Amino acid sequence: MFNPSVNDVRNFFFDTFAKANQQQALSDLEKMAYSVIMEHPEYQTVLRDREKYLNYNWLPDAGETNPFFHLSMHMSIWEQLSIDQPMGIKALYLELCEQFGDEHEAQHQVLDCLAEMVWQAQYNNMQPDPTIYLSCLRRKLGKE
């Protein structure tokens, strides 16, 4: 099982951004990461300054968003959509795309639900429950 450290994840995004900007060849995973990075220009300043941000701690209580966590969540969603796991997520995502008229906004809606499922699992000290995830998506579509 792949279990990267915080620094592994951060270095992956730093390296991907640097390689792409130097027009070096990217792996398929790096291409996916770079496309997510390009959808988030607000994070590119962070990715240009490894020394400053490799060990930086973003404070959610202060309204800060950890860009590496956010980018990783997008990549998780792409993986889930590619294999339709949990089953039915792809159809719900496509409905969200239609509802919002914007794939990126639809991904952010999915991201909210993924975060809710993870929070519930942590709060209740249980494994993530995909029924919470899918139920959240259905609520966003007005189906529950």
Protein backbone atom coordinates (compact mmCIF):
# COMPACT_ATOMS: atom_id res chain seq x y z
CA MET A 1 0.00 0.00 0.00
CA PHE A 2 1.24 3.45 -0.91
CA ASN A 3 1.43 5.72 2.12
CA PRO A 4 3.34 8.91 1.30
CA SER A 5 4.46 11.30 4.01
CA VAL A 6 3.38 14.95 4.05
CA ASN A 7 6.76 15.91 2.58
CA ASP A 8 6.47 13.23 -0.12
CA VAL A 9 3.14 14.71 -1.26
CA ARG A 10 4.42 18.27 -1.13
CA ASN A 11 7.61 17.39 -3.01
CA PHE A 12 5.57 15.59 -5.66
CA PHE A 13 3.61 18.79 -6.38
CA PHE A 14 6.71 21.01 -6.19
CA ASP A 15 8.60 18.69 -8.56
CA THR A 16 5.69 18.34 -10.98
CA PHE A 17 5.22 22.10 -11.21
CA ALA A 18 8.96 22.69 -11.70
CA LYS A 19 9.26 19.96 -14.36
CA ALA A 20 6.29 21.28 -16.30
CA ASN A 21 7.61 24.83 -16.20
CA GLN A 22 10.96 23.57 -17.49
CA GLN A 23 9.09 21.70 -20.25
CA GLN A 24 10.39 18.33 -19.05
CA ALA A 25 8.45 15.15 -19.76
CA LEU A 26 5.80 14.32 -17.19
CA SER A 27 4.50 10.91 -16.13
CA ASP A 28 0.76 10.29 -16.47
CA LEU A 29 0.30 10.98 -12.75
CA GLU A 30 2.30 14.20 -13.04
CA LYS A 31 0.19 15.24 -16.04
CA MET A 32 -2.94 14.78 -13.94
CA ALA A 33 -1.37 16.74 -11.07
CA TYR A 34 -0.28 19.52 -13.39
CA SER A 35 -3.76 19.86 -14.86
CA VAL A 36 -5.14 20.22 -11.31
CA ILE A 37 -2.42 22.78 -10.49
CA MET A 38 -3.33 24.78 -13.59
CA GLU A 39 -6.95 24.94 -12.39
CA HIS A 40 -5.65 26.59 -9.20
CA PRO A 41 -3.49 29.59 -10.13
CA GLU A 42 -3.82 30.81 -6.55
CA TYR A 43 -1.50 27.99 -5.45
CA GLN A 44 1.22 28.52 -8.02
CA THR A 45 3.05 31.09 -5.86
CA VAL A 46 3.34 28.41 -3.17
CA LEU A 47 4.66 25.88 -5.69
CA ARG A 48 7.37 28.30 -6.79
CA ASP A 49 8.83 28.52 -3.26
CA ARG A 50 9.69 25.08 -1.90
CA GLU A 51 12.00 26.51 0.75
CA LYS A 52 9.26 28.64 2.29
CA TYR A 53 6.34 26.23 1.95
CA LEU A 54 7.72 22.69 2.31
CA ASN A 55 7.13 22.74 6.08
CA TYR A 56 4.57 25.54 6.27
CA ASN A 57 1.49 24.84 8.40
CA TRP A 58 -1.81 26.23 7.16
CA LEU A 59 -4.32 26.96 9.91
CA PRO A 60 -7.91 26.00 9.04
CA ASP A 61 -9.14 27.84 12.14
CA ALA A 62 -7.71 31.02 10.61
CA GLY A 63 -9.51 30.33 7.32
CA GLU A 64 -6.41 29.03 5.55
CA THR A 65 -6.58 26.21 3.02
CA ASN A 66 -3.65 23.83 2.68
CA PRO A 67 -3.01 23.87 -1.08
CA PHE A 68 -1.37 20.43 -1.04
CA PHE A 69 -4.36 18.89 0.69
CA HIS A 70 -6.73 20.63 -1.73
CA LEU A 71 -4.78 19.50 -4.81
CA SER A 72 -4.55 15.96 -3.41
CA MET A 73 -8.30 15.86 -2.85
CA HIS A 74 -8.84 16.79 -6.51
CA MET A 75 -6.54 13.98 -7.56
CA SER A 76 -8.41 11.54 -5.31
CA ILE A 77 -11.66 12.56 -6.93
CA TRP A 78 -10.23 12.03 -10.44
CA GLU A 79 -9.13 8.53 -9.40
CA GLN A 80 -12.56 7.75 -7.92
CA LEU A 81 -14.28 8.97 -11.08
CA SER A 82 -11.99 6.89 -13.30
CA ILE A 83 -13.05 3.68 -11.56
CA ASP A 84 -16.53 4.79 -10.40
CA GLN A 85 -15.77 4.10 -6.76
CA PRO A 86 -17.73 4.41 -4.67
CA MET A 87 -20.12 2.98 -7.22
CA GLY A 88 -22.38 5.66 -8.62
CA ILE A 89 -20.07 8.62 -8.00
CA LYS A 90 -19.39 9.12 -11.70
CA ALA A 91 -23.08 9.50 -12.57
CA LEU A 92 -23.61 11.90 -9.66
CA TYR A 93 -20.57 13.91 -10.71
CA LEU A 94 -21.87 14.18 -14.28
CA GLU A 95 -25.19 15.44 -12.93
CA LEU A 96 -23.32 18.03 -10.84
CA CYS A 97 -21.41 19.09 -13.97
CA GLU A 98 -24.72 19.62 -15.71
CA GLN A 99 -26.25 21.42 -12.73
CA PHE A 100 -23.32 23.82 -12.29
CA GLY A 101 -22.24 24.00 -15.93
CA ASP A 102 -18.63 23.76 -14.80
CA GLU A 103 -16.54 20.64 -14.19
CA HIS A 104 -14.25 22.38 -11.72
CA GLU A 105 -17.16 23.65 -9.63
CA ALA A 106 -18.67 20.15 -9.73
CA GLN A 107 -15.37 18.78 -8.43
CA HIS A 108 -15.47 21.27 -5.58
CA GLN A 109 -18.96 20.06 -4.70
CA VAL A 110 -17.65 16.48 -4.67
CA LEU A 111 -14.63 17.63 -2.64
CA ASP A 112 -16.97 19.07 0.01
CA CYS A 113 -18.72 15.72 0.30
CA LEU A 114 -15.45 13.78 0.42
CA ALA A 115 -14.25 16.08 3.20
CA GLU A 116 -17.52 15.55 5.08
CA MET A 117 -17.11 11.78 4.89
CA VAL A 118 -13.50 11.97 6.10
CA TRP A 119 -14.46 14.34 8.93
CA GLN A 120 -17.31 12.03 10.03
CA ALA A 121 -14.95 9.05 10.03
CA GLN A 122 -12.38 10.90 12.12
CA TYR A 123 -14.97 12.36 14.49
CA ASN A 124 -16.59 8.95 15.06
CA ASN A 125 -13.27 7.05 15.03
CA MET A 126 -14.55 4.78 12.25
CA GLN A 127 -13.67 3.83 8.70
CA PRO A 128 -14.92 6.25 6.02
CA ASP A 129 -18.49 5.43 5.03
CA PRO A 130 -19.17 5.85 1.30
CA THR A 131 -22.91 6.05 1.97
CA ILE A 132 -22.27 9.40 3.73
CA TYR A 133 -20.31 10.56 0.69
CA LEU A 134 -22.95 9.56 -1.86
CA SER A 135 -25.78 10.86 0.31
CA CYS A 136 -24.08 14.25 0.48
CA LEU A 137 -23.78 14.32 -3.32
CA ARG A 138 -27.45 13.41 -3.71
CA ARG A 139 -28.40 16.24 -1.31
CA LYS A 140 -26.42 18.70 -3.47
CA LEU A 141 -28.50 17.53 -6.42
CA GLY A 142 -31.76 17.88 -4.47
CA LYS A 143 -32.33 14.13 -4.50
CA GLU A 144 -32.48 13.70 -0.70
